[in-house]
């Protein structure tokens, strides 16, 4: 019998993949722009993982409809915290996959244009820090204010953080001769700390869920 975590993650994937193909095309478009334009499209380094983490959170169906056929055999009552934690883990995996893909593109671009080299730790640190912020803030907002208000709030946060903190830093520091090693290490440590603190965000999300927040998901597999 497969572990419950695997089944819950599979449930998240089945809910996500209905429009996940669209996001895969966005991957291809963004990475193609980066490989063709180099640092002229440096926003890809930050913005792509943010988009993927955001989509991983808000792709979950909000009406509580049944999961796709073929998975009902494991839809037994499970603790609410396990169900919510699977959403966090899924967002983390999507962000991590995006970070790895972007890092591979950056390293490949470095081989083609050594003068545009970026510290790999900076890339990982930036991408995983922003995905941690989007996930850690987005999940409680979703279950506190409902999908519509939370989505709008996170779009604003995502836009501001990517535009001001991400793109300018990547393009600007690269133009000045590369990102200092210390900045890359510091951002990587920050990302690790933020993801280590994610259980606190989970507790807040669980509290809002139990309060019956607006437009939250009620699914039969959730333990009463």
N, C-alpha and C. Protein backbone atom coordinates (compact mmCIF):
# COMPACT_ATOMS: atom_id res chain seq x y z
N UNK A 1 0.84 -1.20 0.00
CA UNK A 1 0.00 0.00 0.00
C UNK A 1 0.88 1.25 0.00
N UNK A 2 0.58 2.20 -0.88
CA UNK A 2 1.38 3.41 -0.97
C UNK A 2 1.09 4.33 0.21
N UNK A 3 2.12 5.06 0.68
CA UNK A 3 1.92 5.94 1.82
C UNK A 3 0.89 7.03 1.53
N UNK A 4 0.23 7.51 2.59
CA UNK A 4 -0.82 8.51 2.42
C UNK A 4 -0.28 9.80 1.82
N UNK A 5 0.95 10.17 2.18
CA UNK A 5 1.52 11.40 1.63
C UNK A 5 1.59 11.33 0.11
N UNK A 6 1.99 10.18 -0.42
CA UNK A 6 2.04 10.00 -1.87
C UNK A 6 0.66 10.19 -2.48
N UNK A 7 -0.35 9.58 -1.86
CA UNK A 7 -1.70 9.68 -2.39
C UNK A 7 -2.23 11.11 -2.34
N UNK A 8 -1.93 11.81 -1.26
CA UNK A 8 -2.37 13.20 -1.15
C UNK A 8 -1.68 14.08 -2.18
N UNK A 9 -0.38 13.84 -2.40
CA UNK A 9 0.33 14.61 -3.42
C UNK A 9 -0.20 14.29 -4.82
N UNK A 10 -0.55 13.02 -5.02
CA UNK A 10 -1.13 12.65 -6.31
C UNK A 10 -2.46 13.36 -6.52
N UNK A 11 -3.23 13.47 -5.45
CA UNK A 11 -4.49 14.21 -5.51
C UNK A 11 -4.26 15.66 -5.92
N UNK A 12 -3.23 16.29 -5.32
CA UNK A 12 -2.91 17.67 -5.69
C UNK A 12 -2.51 17.77 -7.16
N UNK A 13 -1.74 16.79 -7.62
CA UNK A 13 -1.30 16.81 -9.01
C UNK A 13 -2.48 16.65 -9.96
N UNK A 14 -3.42 15.75 -9.63
CA UNK A 14 -4.58 15.54 -10.49
C UNK A 14 -5.42 16.81 -10.57
N UNK A 15 -5.51 17.55 -9.48
CA UNK A 15 -6.25 18.80 -9.50
C UNK A 15 -5.50 19.88 -10.27
N UNK A 16 -4.19 19.80 -10.25
CA UNK A 16 -3.37 20.84 -10.88
C UNK A 16 -3.21 20.66 -12.38
N UNK A 17 -3.10 19.42 -12.81
CA UNK A 17 -2.67 19.18 -14.19
C UNK A 17 -3.72 19.54 -15.22
N UNK A 18 -4.98 19.80 -14.79
CA UNK A 18 -6.00 20.17 -15.75
C UNK A 18 -5.62 21.43 -16.52
N UNK A 19 -4.94 22.37 -15.84
CA UNK A 19 -4.42 23.53 -16.57
C UNK A 19 -2.92 23.65 -16.41
N UNK A 20 -2.29 22.59 -15.86
CA UNK A 20 -0.85 22.61 -15.70
C UNK A 20 -0.10 22.65 -17.01
N UNK A 21 -0.72 22.11 -18.08
CA UNK A 21 -0.06 22.14 -19.38
C UNK A 21 0.18 23.58 -19.83
N UNK A 22 -0.75 24.45 -19.48
CA UNK A 22 -0.56 25.86 -19.83
C UNK A 22 0.69 26.41 -19.18
N UNK A 23 0.91 26.05 -17.91
CA UNK A 23 2.08 26.54 -17.20
C UNK A 23 3.36 25.92 -17.77
N UNK A 24 3.26 24.70 -18.27
CA UNK A 24 4.44 24.10 -18.89
C UNK A 24 4.84 24.87 -20.14
N UNK A 25 3.85 25.34 -20.90
CA UNK A 25 4.16 26.16 -22.06
C UNK A 25 4.78 27.48 -21.63
N UNK A 26 4.36 28.00 -20.47
CA UNK A 26 4.97 29.22 -19.95
C UNK A 26 6.44 28.96 -19.62
N UNK A 27 6.73 27.78 -19.04
CA UNK A 27 8.13 27.40 -18.80
C UNK A 27 8.93 27.51 -20.10
N UNK A 28 8.41 26.87 -21.15
CA UNK A 28 9.13 26.84 -22.43
C UNK A 28 9.33 28.26 -22.95
N UNK A 29 8.29 29.08 -22.88
CA UNK A 29 8.37 30.45 -23.38
C UNK A 29 9.41 31.26 -22.61
N UNK A 30 9.33 31.21 -21.29
CA UNK A 30 10.23 32.01 -20.46
C UNK A 30 11.68 31.56 -20.63
N UNK A 31 11.90 30.26 -20.57
CA UNK A 31 13.27 29.77 -20.68
C UNK A 31 13.83 30.01 -22.08
N UNK A 32 12.97 29.90 -23.09
CA UNK A 32 13.42 30.22 -24.44
C UNK A 32 13.85 31.67 -24.56
N UNK A 33 13.07 32.56 -23.93
CA UNK A 33 13.44 33.97 -23.94
C UNK A 33 14.78 34.18 -23.25
N UNK A 34 14.98 33.49 -22.14
CA UNK A 34 16.23 33.68 -21.40
C UNK A 34 17.43 33.18 -22.20
N UNK A 35 17.28 32.01 -22.81
CA UNK A 35 18.39 31.45 -23.58
C UNK A 35 18.70 32.29 -24.82
N UNK A 36 17.67 32.92 -25.37
CA UNK A 36 17.88 33.74 -26.56
C UNK A 36 18.38 35.14 -26.23
N UNK A 37 17.85 35.70 -25.14
CA UNK A 37 18.14 37.10 -24.82
C UNK A 37 19.14 37.28 -23.69
N UNK A 38 19.43 36.22 -22.95
CA UNK A 38 20.38 36.34 -21.85
C UNK A 38 19.84 37.24 -20.76
N UNK A 39 20.69 38.12 -20.21
CA UNK A 39 20.28 38.95 -19.09
C UNK A 39 19.24 39.98 -19.47
N UNK A 40 19.01 40.19 -20.76
CA UNK A 40 17.92 41.07 -21.17
C UNK A 40 16.58 40.50 -20.74
N UNK A 41 16.54 39.20 -20.47
CA UNK A 41 15.33 38.54 -19.95
C UNK A 41 15.62 37.96 -18.58
N UNK A 42 16.42 38.67 -17.79
CA UNK A 42 16.83 38.17 -16.48
C UNK A 42 15.70 37.99 -15.50
N UNK A 43 14.54 38.65 -15.75
CA UNK A 43 13.40 38.48 -14.86
C UNK A 43 12.93 37.03 -14.79
N UNK A 44 13.28 36.24 -15.80
CA UNK A 44 12.89 34.83 -15.81
C UNK A 44 13.43 34.11 -14.59
N UNK A 45 14.63 34.48 -14.16
CA UNK A 45 15.29 33.80 -13.05
C UNK A 45 14.43 33.83 -11.80
N UNK A 46 13.71 34.93 -11.60
CA UNK A 46 12.89 35.08 -10.41
C UNK A 46 11.43 34.77 -10.68
N UNK A 47 10.93 35.24 -11.80
CA UNK A 47 9.48 35.24 -12.00
C UNK A 47 8.91 33.87 -12.30
N UNK A 48 9.65 33.03 -13.01
CA UNK A 48 9.12 31.71 -13.36
C UNK A 48 8.81 30.86 -12.13
N UNK A 49 9.74 30.69 -11.17
CA UNK A 49 9.40 29.90 -9.98
C UNK A 49 8.26 30.50 -9.17
N UNK A 50 8.17 31.84 -9.14
CA UNK A 50 7.08 32.48 -8.41
C UNK A 50 5.74 32.12 -9.05
N UNK A 51 5.67 32.18 -10.36
CA UNK A 51 4.44 31.82 -11.06
C UNK A 51 4.05 30.38 -10.77
N UNK A 52 5.03 29.48 -10.77
CA UNK A 52 4.71 28.07 -10.56
C UNK A 52 4.25 27.80 -9.14
N UNK A 53 4.88 28.44 -8.15
CA UNK A 53 4.44 28.27 -6.77
C UNK A 53 3.04 28.84 -6.59
N UNK A 54 2.79 29.99 -7.16
CA UNK A 54 1.47 30.62 -7.08
C UNK A 54 0.40 29.73 -7.70
N UNK A 55 0.70 29.20 -8.88
CA UNK A 55 -0.28 28.36 -9.56
C UNK A 55 -0.52 27.06 -8.80
N UNK A 56 0.51 26.55 -8.12
CA UNK A 56 0.35 25.32 -7.35
C UNK A 56 -0.62 25.51 -6.20
N UNK A 57 -0.63 26.70 -5.60
CA UNK A 57 -1.53 26.97 -4.48
C UNK A 57 -2.95 27.18 -4.97
N UNK A 58 -3.12 28.03 -5.98
CA UNK A 58 -4.45 28.45 -6.38
C UNK A 58 -5.09 27.59 -7.45
N UNK A 59 -4.42 26.53 -7.87
CA UNK A 59 -5.05 25.62 -8.81
C UNK A 59 -5.97 24.65 -8.10
N UNK A 60 -5.80 24.48 -6.79
CA UNK A 60 -6.65 23.56 -6.04
C UNK A 60 -8.10 23.98 -6.15
N UNK A 61 -8.96 23.06 -6.47
CA UNK A 61 -10.37 23.38 -6.66
C UNK A 61 -10.99 23.82 -5.34
N UNK A 62 -11.79 24.87 -5.40
CA UNK A 62 -12.33 25.47 -4.20
C UNK A 62 -13.74 25.00 -3.86
N UNK A 63 -14.35 24.20 -4.71
CA UNK A 63 -15.73 23.82 -4.49
C UNK A 63 -15.89 22.46 -3.85
N UNK A 64 -14.79 21.76 -3.62
CA UNK A 64 -14.86 20.48 -2.94
C UNK A 64 -15.38 19.35 -3.80
N UNK A 65 -15.30 19.47 -5.12
CA UNK A 65 -15.79 18.39 -5.97
C UNK A 65 -14.89 17.17 -5.85
N UNK A 66 -15.41 16.05 -6.30
CA UNK A 66 -14.66 14.80 -6.16
C UNK A 66 -13.39 14.85 -6.98
N UNK A 67 -12.38 14.13 -6.49
CA UNK A 67 -11.12 14.04 -7.21
C UNK A 67 -11.30 13.13 -8.41
N UNK A 68 -10.43 13.26 -9.39
CA UNK A 68 -10.54 12.46 -10.61
C UNK A 68 -10.67 10.98 -10.30
N UNK A 69 -11.34 10.28 -11.18
CA UNK A 69 -11.55 8.85 -11.00
C UNK A 69 -10.22 8.12 -10.91
N UNK A 70 -10.21 7.05 -10.13
CA UNK A 70 -9.01 6.25 -10.00
C UNK A 70 -8.28 6.46 -8.70
N UNK A 71 -8.73 7.42 -7.91
CA UNK A 71 -8.06 7.68 -6.63
C UNK A 71 -9.01 7.52 -5.44
N UNK A 72 -10.24 7.13 -5.69
CA UNK A 72 -11.21 7.05 -4.61
C UNK A 72 -10.86 5.98 -3.58
N UNK A 73 -9.99 5.04 -3.96
CA UNK A 73 -9.68 3.96 -3.04
C UNK A 73 -8.93 4.44 -1.80
N UNK A 74 -8.32 5.60 -1.86
CA UNK A 74 -7.61 6.09 -0.67
C UNK A 74 -8.33 7.25 -0.01
N UNK A 75 -9.52 7.63 -0.51
CA UNK A 75 -10.22 8.78 0.05
C UNK A 75 -10.92 8.41 1.34
N UNK A 76 -10.15 8.06 2.34
CA UNK A 76 -10.66 7.79 3.67
C UNK A 76 -10.41 9.02 4.52
N UNK A 77 -11.17 9.19 5.61
CA UNK A 77 -10.92 10.36 6.47
C UNK A 77 -9.48 10.38 6.98
N UNK A 78 -8.80 11.47 6.74
CA UNK A 78 -7.43 11.65 7.20
C UNK A 78 -7.36 12.98 7.94
N UNK A 79 -6.38 13.15 8.81
CA UNK A 79 -6.28 14.40 9.57
C UNK A 79 -6.20 15.62 8.65
N UNK A 80 -6.89 16.67 9.04
CA UNK A 80 -6.89 17.90 8.25
C UNK A 80 -5.47 18.42 8.03
N UNK A 81 -4.65 18.33 9.05
CA UNK A 81 -3.28 18.85 8.93
C UNK A 81 -2.52 18.13 7.82
N UNK A 82 -2.75 16.81 7.67
CA UNK A 82 -2.07 16.07 6.61
C UNK A 82 -2.51 16.54 5.23
N UNK A 83 -3.82 16.81 5.09
CA UNK A 83 -4.34 17.28 3.81
C UNK A 83 -3.75 18.63 3.45
N UNK A 84 -3.71 19.54 4.43
CA UNK A 84 -3.17 20.88 4.17
C UNK A 84 -1.66 20.83 3.95
N UNK A 85 -0.98 19.97 4.72
CA UNK A 85 0.47 19.89 4.56
C UNK A 85 0.85 19.39 3.17
N UNK A 86 0.01 18.53 2.59
CA UNK A 86 0.27 18.06 1.23
C UNK A 86 0.25 19.22 0.25
N UNK A 87 -0.60 20.21 0.50
CA UNK A 87 -0.65 21.39 -0.37
C UNK A 87 0.65 22.19 -0.26
N UNK A 88 1.14 22.34 0.97
CA UNK A 88 2.42 23.02 1.17
C UNK A 88 3.55 22.26 0.46
N UNK A 89 3.55 20.95 0.65
CA UNK A 89 4.61 20.14 0.06
C UNK A 89 4.56 20.19 -1.46
N UNK A 90 3.35 20.19 -2.01
CA UNK A 90 3.21 20.26 -3.46
C UNK A 90 3.73 21.59 -3.99
N UNK A 91 3.41 22.69 -3.30
CA UNK A 91 3.93 24.00 -3.71
C UNK A 91 5.45 24.03 -3.62
N UNK A 92 6.00 23.40 -2.57
CA UNK A 92 7.45 23.34 -2.42
C UNK A 92 8.08 22.58 -3.58
N UNK A 93 7.49 21.45 -3.93
CA UNK A 93 8.03 20.64 -5.03
C UNK A 93 7.95 21.38 -6.36
N UNK A 94 6.85 22.09 -6.58
CA UNK A 94 6.72 22.86 -7.82
C UNK A 94 7.75 23.98 -7.87
N UNK A 95 7.92 24.67 -6.73
CA UNK A 95 8.93 25.72 -6.68
C UNK A 95 10.33 25.18 -6.86
N UNK A 96 10.61 24.02 -6.24
CA UNK A 96 11.93 23.41 -6.36
C UNK A 96 12.21 22.99 -7.80
N UNK A 97 11.21 22.37 -8.43
CA UNK A 97 11.39 21.95 -9.82
C UNK A 97 11.67 23.15 -10.71
N UNK A 98 10.94 24.24 -10.47
CA UNK A 98 11.16 25.44 -11.26
C UNK A 98 12.55 26.01 -11.03
N UNK A 99 12.98 26.00 -9.76
CA UNK A 99 14.32 26.52 -9.43
C UNK A 99 15.40 25.70 -10.12
N UNK A 100 15.24 24.39 -10.15
CA UNK A 100 16.23 23.52 -10.79
C UNK A 100 16.27 23.77 -12.30
N UNK A 101 15.08 23.91 -12.90
CA UNK A 101 15.03 24.17 -14.34
C UNK A 101 15.68 25.51 -14.67
N UNK A 102 15.36 26.54 -13.88
CA UNK A 102 15.95 27.85 -14.10
C UNK A 102 17.46 27.80 -13.91
N UNK A 103 17.90 27.09 -12.86
CA UNK A 103 19.34 26.98 -12.60
C UNK A 103 20.05 26.31 -13.77
N UNK A 104 19.43 25.26 -14.32
CA UNK A 104 20.03 24.59 -15.48
C UNK A 104 20.14 25.55 -16.66
N UNK A 105 19.10 26.36 -16.86
CA UNK A 105 19.14 27.33 -17.96
C UNK A 105 20.22 28.38 -17.73
N UNK A 106 20.35 28.83 -16.47
CA UNK A 106 21.37 29.83 -16.14
C UNK A 106 22.77 29.27 -16.38
N UNK A 107 23.00 28.03 -15.95
CA UNK A 107 24.32 27.42 -16.14
C UNK A 107 24.62 27.22 -17.63
N UNK A 108 23.59 26.85 -18.38
CA UNK A 108 23.78 26.69 -19.82
C UNK A 108 24.09 28.04 -20.47
N UNK A 109 23.37 29.08 -20.02
CA UNK A 109 23.63 30.42 -20.54
C UNK A 109 25.04 30.89 -20.19
N UNK A 110 25.52 30.47 -19.01
CA UNK A 110 26.88 30.83 -18.58
C UNK A 110 27.91 30.21 -19.51
N UNK A 111 27.65 28.97 -19.95
CA UNK A 111 28.57 28.32 -20.89
C UNK A 111 28.62 29.07 -22.21
N UNK A 112 27.46 29.58 -22.63
CA UNK A 112 27.40 30.30 -23.90
C UNK A 112 27.98 31.70 -23.78
N UNK A 113 27.71 32.34 -22.64
CA UNK A 113 28.17 33.72 -22.42
C UNK A 113 28.76 33.84 -21.02
N UNK A 114 30.03 33.50 -20.85
CA UNK A 114 30.66 33.53 -19.52
C UNK A 114 30.58 34.89 -18.84
N UNK A 115 30.49 35.97 -19.60
CA UNK A 115 30.45 37.30 -18.99
C UNK A 115 29.12 37.55 -18.27
N UNK A 116 28.12 36.71 -18.52
CA UNK A 116 26.82 36.88 -17.88
C UNK A 116 26.60 35.85 -16.79
N UNK A 117 27.66 35.39 -16.18
CA UNK A 117 27.56 34.35 -15.15
C UNK A 117 26.84 34.88 -13.91
N UNK A 118 26.01 34.03 -13.30
CA UNK A 118 25.30 34.35 -12.07
C UNK A 118 25.63 33.27 -11.05
N UNK A 119 25.84 33.67 -9.82
CA UNK A 119 26.12 32.73 -8.74
C UNK A 119 24.96 31.74 -8.60
N UNK A 120 25.20 30.42 -8.72
CA UNK A 120 24.11 29.45 -8.60
C UNK A 120 23.38 29.54 -7.27
N UNK A 121 24.10 29.82 -6.18
CA UNK A 121 23.45 29.94 -4.89
C UNK A 121 22.51 31.14 -4.85
N UNK A 122 22.85 32.17 -5.60
CA UNK A 122 21.96 33.33 -5.68
C UNK A 122 20.65 32.94 -6.37
N UNK A 123 20.77 32.19 -7.46
CA UNK A 123 19.57 31.75 -8.19
C UNK A 123 18.68 30.90 -7.29
N UNK A 124 19.28 29.89 -6.63
CA UNK A 124 18.50 29.02 -5.75
C UNK A 124 17.92 29.80 -4.58
N UNK A 125 18.73 30.68 -4.00
CA UNK A 125 18.27 31.45 -2.85
C UNK A 125 17.10 32.34 -3.18
N UNK A 126 17.21 33.07 -4.29
CA UNK A 126 16.13 33.98 -4.69
C UNK A 126 14.86 33.22 -5.00
N UNK A 127 14.96 32.18 -5.83
CA UNK A 127 13.76 31.46 -6.24
C UNK A 127 13.08 30.78 -5.07
N UNK A 128 13.83 30.12 -4.20
CA UNK A 128 13.22 29.40 -3.09
C UNK A 128 12.75 30.34 -1.99
N UNK A 129 13.37 31.51 -1.86
CA UNK A 129 12.88 32.49 -0.89
C UNK A 129 11.53 33.04 -1.32
N UNK A 130 11.42 33.40 -2.58
CA UNK A 130 10.14 33.93 -3.05
C UNK A 130 9.04 32.88 -3.04
N UNK A 131 9.35 31.65 -3.40
CA UNK A 131 8.33 30.61 -3.35
C UNK A 131 7.91 30.34 -1.91
N UNK A 132 8.84 30.47 -0.97
CA UNK A 132 8.49 30.31 0.45
C UNK A 132 7.55 31.41 0.91
N UNK A 133 7.82 32.64 0.48
CA UNK A 133 6.95 33.76 0.86
C UNK A 133 5.56 33.59 0.25
N UNK A 134 5.51 33.24 -1.03
CA UNK A 134 4.22 33.05 -1.69
C UNK A 134 3.43 31.93 -1.02
N UNK A 135 4.09 30.83 -0.70
CA UNK A 135 3.40 29.69 -0.08
C UNK A 135 3.02 30.00 1.36
N UNK A 136 3.97 30.50 2.15
CA UNK A 136 3.72 30.74 3.56
C UNK A 136 2.68 31.80 3.82
N UNK A 137 2.60 32.81 2.94
CA UNK A 137 1.60 33.86 3.09
C UNK A 137 0.31 33.49 2.37
N UNK A 138 0.44 32.84 1.22
CA UNK A 138 -0.72 32.55 0.40
C UNK A 138 -1.69 31.55 1.00
N UNK A 139 -1.19 30.51 1.63
CA UNK A 139 -2.08 29.49 2.18
C UNK A 139 -2.98 30.04 3.29
N UNK A 140 -2.45 30.73 4.30
CA UNK A 140 -3.36 31.31 5.30
C UNK A 140 -4.34 32.31 4.71
N UNK A 141 -3.89 33.13 3.75
CA UNK A 141 -4.79 34.09 3.13
C UNK A 141 -5.93 33.39 2.41
N UNK A 142 -5.61 32.30 1.74
CA UNK A 142 -6.61 31.56 0.98
C UNK A 142 -7.74 31.08 1.88
N UNK A 143 -7.39 30.55 3.05
CA UNK A 143 -8.40 29.99 3.94
C UNK A 143 -8.97 31.02 4.91
N UNK A 144 -8.39 32.20 4.96
CA UNK A 144 -8.94 33.27 5.80
C UNK A 144 -9.91 34.15 5.04
N UNK A 145 -9.55 34.55 3.82
CA UNK A 145 -10.35 35.52 3.08
C UNK A 145 -11.05 34.93 1.87
N UNK A 146 -10.75 33.69 1.53
CA UNK A 146 -11.35 33.10 0.35
C UNK A 146 -10.47 33.30 -0.88
N UNK A 147 -10.78 32.55 -1.91
CA UNK A 147 -9.90 32.49 -3.07
C UNK A 147 -9.79 33.83 -3.79
N UNK A 148 -10.91 34.55 -3.92
CA UNK A 148 -10.89 35.78 -4.72
C UNK A 148 -10.02 36.86 -4.09
N UNK A 149 -10.28 37.17 -2.82
CA UNK A 149 -9.51 38.21 -2.14
C UNK A 149 -8.06 37.79 -1.97
N UNK A 150 -7.83 36.54 -1.61
CA UNK A 150 -6.47 36.07 -1.40
C UNK A 150 -5.68 36.09 -2.71
N UNK A 151 -6.34 35.71 -3.79
CA UNK A 151 -5.65 35.70 -5.08
C UNK A 151 -5.23 37.11 -5.47
N UNK A 152 -6.11 38.07 -5.25
CA UNK A 152 -5.77 39.45 -5.58
C UNK A 152 -4.61 39.95 -4.73
N UNK A 153 -4.66 39.66 -3.43
CA UNK A 153 -3.58 40.09 -2.52
C UNK A 153 -2.25 39.49 -2.92
N UNK A 154 -2.25 38.20 -3.25
CA UNK A 154 -0.99 37.54 -3.61
C UNK A 154 -0.48 38.00 -4.96
N UNK A 155 -1.38 38.34 -5.87
CA UNK A 155 -0.94 38.87 -7.15
C UNK A 155 -0.19 40.19 -6.96
N UNK A 156 -0.72 41.03 -6.06
CA UNK A 156 -0.04 42.29 -5.77
C UNK A 156 1.32 42.02 -5.14
N UNK A 157 1.34 41.12 -4.13
CA UNK A 157 2.60 40.79 -3.47
C UNK A 157 3.60 40.20 -4.45
N UNK A 158 3.12 39.30 -5.30
CA UNK A 158 3.98 38.65 -6.27
C UNK A 158 4.56 39.66 -7.25
N UNK A 159 3.71 40.57 -7.72
CA UNK A 159 4.18 41.56 -8.67
C UNK A 159 5.21 42.51 -8.08
N UNK A 160 4.94 42.97 -6.86
CA UNK A 160 5.87 43.90 -6.21
C UNK A 160 7.20 43.23 -5.93
N UNK A 161 7.14 42.02 -5.36
CA UNK A 161 8.38 41.34 -4.98
C UNK A 161 9.22 40.99 -6.20
N UNK A 162 8.56 40.51 -7.26
CA UNK A 162 9.30 40.14 -8.46
C UNK A 162 9.87 41.36 -9.16
N UNK A 163 9.05 42.40 -9.26
CA UNK A 163 9.49 43.60 -10.00
C UNK A 163 10.59 44.34 -9.27
N UNK A 164 10.41 44.55 -7.97
CA UNK A 164 11.37 45.35 -7.21
C UNK A 164 12.53 44.53 -6.67
N UNK A 165 12.21 43.41 -6.04
CA UNK A 165 13.26 42.65 -5.38
C UNK A 165 13.99 41.67 -6.25
N UNK A 166 13.33 41.18 -7.30
CA UNK A 166 13.93 40.14 -8.10
C UNK A 166 14.61 40.61 -9.36
N UNK A 167 13.82 41.13 -10.28
CA UNK A 167 14.36 41.49 -11.58
C UNK A 167 15.46 42.53 -11.48
N UNK A 168 15.22 43.57 -10.70
CA UNK A 168 16.22 44.64 -10.58
C UNK A 168 17.52 44.10 -10.00
N UNK A 169 17.41 43.22 -9.00
CA UNK A 169 18.61 42.68 -8.37
C UNK A 169 19.40 41.80 -9.33
N UNK A 170 18.70 40.91 -10.03
CA UNK A 170 19.39 40.00 -10.95
C UNK A 170 20.06 40.78 -12.08
N UNK A 171 19.29 41.64 -12.73
CA UNK A 171 19.83 42.38 -13.86
C UNK A 171 20.88 43.39 -13.40
N UNK A 172 20.59 44.12 -12.33
CA UNK A 172 21.50 45.15 -11.85
C UNK A 172 22.82 44.59 -11.36
N UNK A 173 22.78 43.58 -10.51
CA UNK A 173 24.02 43.02 -9.97
C UNK A 173 24.84 42.33 -11.06
N UNK A 174 24.15 41.67 -11.98
CA UNK A 174 24.88 41.03 -13.07
C UNK A 174 25.58 42.08 -13.93
N UNK A 175 24.90 43.22 -14.13
CA UNK A 175 25.51 44.29 -14.93
C UNK A 175 26.72 44.89 -14.23
N UNK A 176 26.74 44.83 -12.91
CA UNK A 176 27.86 45.39 -12.16
C UNK A 176 29.03 44.42 -12.05
N UNK A 177 28.90 43.27 -12.68
CA UNK A 177 30.04 42.35 -12.67
C UNK A 177 29.79 41.07 -11.92
N UNK A 178 28.51 40.76 -11.68
CA UNK A 178 28.21 39.50 -11.02
C UNK A 178 27.72 39.70 -9.60
N UNK A 179 27.03 38.68 -9.08
CA UNK A 179 26.48 38.73 -7.74
C UNK A 179 27.54 38.29 -6.74
N UNK A 180 27.77 39.04 -5.67
CA UNK A 180 28.75 38.62 -4.66
C UNK A 180 28.39 37.26 -4.08
N UNK A 181 29.40 36.45 -3.80
CA UNK A 181 29.14 35.12 -3.25
C UNK A 181 28.37 35.20 -1.94
N UNK A 182 28.69 36.20 -1.12
CA UNK A 182 28.01 36.33 0.17
C UNK A 182 26.52 36.51 0.03
N UNK A 183 26.08 37.25 -1.00
CA UNK A 183 24.65 37.47 -1.21
C UNK A 183 23.95 36.17 -1.56
N UNK A 184 24.60 35.35 -2.39
CA UNK A 184 24.01 34.07 -2.75
C UNK A 184 23.87 33.15 -1.57
N UNK A 185 24.91 33.07 -0.74
CA UNK A 185 24.85 32.22 0.45
C UNK A 185 23.79 32.71 1.43
N UNK A 186 23.72 34.04 1.62
CA UNK A 186 22.75 34.60 2.55
C UNK A 186 21.32 34.31 2.11
N UNK A 187 21.06 34.45 0.82
CA UNK A 187 19.71 34.17 0.31
C UNK A 187 19.37 32.69 0.42
N UNK A 188 20.34 31.83 0.19
CA UNK A 188 20.08 30.40 0.33
C UNK A 188 19.76 30.04 1.77
N UNK A 189 20.49 30.61 2.71
CA UNK A 189 20.22 30.37 4.13
C UNK A 189 18.84 30.91 4.50
N UNK A 190 18.50 32.09 3.97
CA UNK A 190 17.18 32.67 4.22
C UNK A 190 16.07 31.75 3.73
N UNK A 191 16.26 31.17 2.55
CA UNK A 191 15.26 30.26 1.99
C UNK A 191 15.09 29.04 2.88
N UNK A 192 16.20 28.47 3.36
CA UNK A 192 16.13 27.30 4.24
C UNK A 192 15.38 27.63 5.52
N UNK A 193 15.67 28.79 6.10
CA UNK A 193 15.01 29.20 7.35
C UNK A 193 13.51 29.39 7.12
N UNK A 194 13.14 30.05 6.03
CA UNK A 194 11.72 30.28 5.75
C UNK A 194 10.96 28.98 5.57
N UNK A 195 11.54 28.04 4.84
CA UNK A 195 10.85 26.76 4.66
C UNK A 195 10.82 25.96 5.96
N UNK A 196 11.83 26.12 6.81
CA UNK A 196 11.82 25.44 8.11
C UNK A 196 10.72 25.99 9.01
N UNK A 197 10.33 27.25 8.80
CA UNK A 197 9.28 27.87 9.61
C UNK A 197 7.88 27.62 9.04
N UNK A 198 7.79 26.89 7.95
CA UNK A 198 6.50 26.68 7.30
C UNK A 198 5.45 26.00 8.19
N UNK A 199 5.83 25.12 9.15
CA UNK A 199 4.81 24.55 10.03
C UNK A 199 3.99 25.60 10.78
N UNK A 200 4.57 26.77 11.05
CA UNK A 200 3.81 27.83 11.71
C UNK A 200 2.72 28.37 10.79
N UNK A 201 3.05 28.50 9.51
CA UNK A 201 2.04 28.90 8.53
C UNK A 201 0.96 27.83 8.42
N UNK A 202 1.35 26.56 8.50
CA UNK A 202 0.39 25.46 8.45
C UNK A 202 -0.59 25.55 9.60
N UNK A 203 -0.11 25.83 10.80
CA UNK A 203 -1.00 25.96 11.96
C UNK A 203 -2.01 27.08 11.76
N UNK A 204 -1.55 28.18 11.20
CA UNK A 204 -2.45 29.31 10.96
C UNK A 204 -3.50 28.94 9.92
N UNK A 205 -3.07 28.25 8.87
CA UNK A 205 -4.00 27.81 7.84
C UNK A 205 -5.05 26.86 8.42
N UNK A 206 -4.61 25.93 9.25
CA UNK A 206 -5.53 24.98 9.88
C UNK A 206 -6.54 25.71 10.76
N UNK A 207 -6.08 26.71 11.49
CA UNK A 207 -6.97 27.48 12.36
C UNK A 207 -8.05 28.19 11.55
N UNK A 208 -7.65 28.81 10.44
CA UNK A 208 -8.62 29.52 9.60
C UNK A 208 -9.60 28.54 8.96
N UNK A 209 -9.09 27.36 8.58
CA UNK A 209 -9.97 26.35 8.00
C UNK A 209 -11.05 25.95 8.99
N UNK A 210 -10.65 25.68 10.22
CA UNK A 210 -11.60 25.22 11.23
C UNK A 210 -12.59 26.31 11.63
N UNK A 211 -12.21 27.55 11.43
CA UNK A 211 -13.14 28.65 11.70
C UNK A 211 -14.19 28.78 10.61
N UNK A 212 -14.01 28.06 9.52
CA UNK A 212 -14.97 28.13 8.43
C UNK A 212 -14.82 29.38 7.60
N UNK A 213 -13.57 29.67 7.19
CA UNK A 213 -13.29 30.86 6.40
C UNK A 213 -14.07 30.86 5.09
N UNK A 214 -14.08 32.00 4.42
CA UNK A 214 -14.84 32.18 3.20
C UNK A 214 -14.29 31.33 2.06
N UNK A 215 -15.20 30.64 1.37
CA UNK A 215 -14.82 29.97 0.12
C UNK A 215 -13.72 28.94 0.30
N UNK A 216 -13.65 28.32 1.48
CA UNK A 216 -12.59 27.35 1.69
C UNK A 216 -13.02 25.99 1.17
N UNK A 217 -12.08 25.10 1.03
CA UNK A 217 -12.36 23.78 0.46
C UNK A 217 -12.87 22.83 1.52
N UNK A 218 -13.99 22.20 1.25
CA UNK A 218 -14.51 21.14 2.11
C UNK A 218 -14.51 19.85 1.31
N UNK A 219 -13.71 18.92 1.70
CA UNK A 219 -13.57 17.69 0.93
C UNK A 219 -13.87 16.49 1.82
N UNK A 220 -14.53 15.47 1.30
CA UNK A 220 -14.91 14.32 2.13
C UNK A 220 -13.76 13.57 2.75
N UNK A 221 -12.53 13.75 2.25
CA UNK A 221 -11.43 13.01 2.86
C UNK A 221 -10.94 13.67 4.15
N UNK A 222 -11.42 14.89 4.43
CA UNK A 222 -10.98 15.60 5.63
C UNK A 222 -11.66 15.02 6.85
N UNK A 223 -10.86 14.72 7.84
CA UNK A 223 -11.36 14.14 9.08
C UNK A 223 -12.18 15.17 9.83
N UNK A 224 -13.32 14.78 10.32
CA UNK A 224 -14.19 15.71 11.04
C UNK A 224 -13.56 16.15 12.34
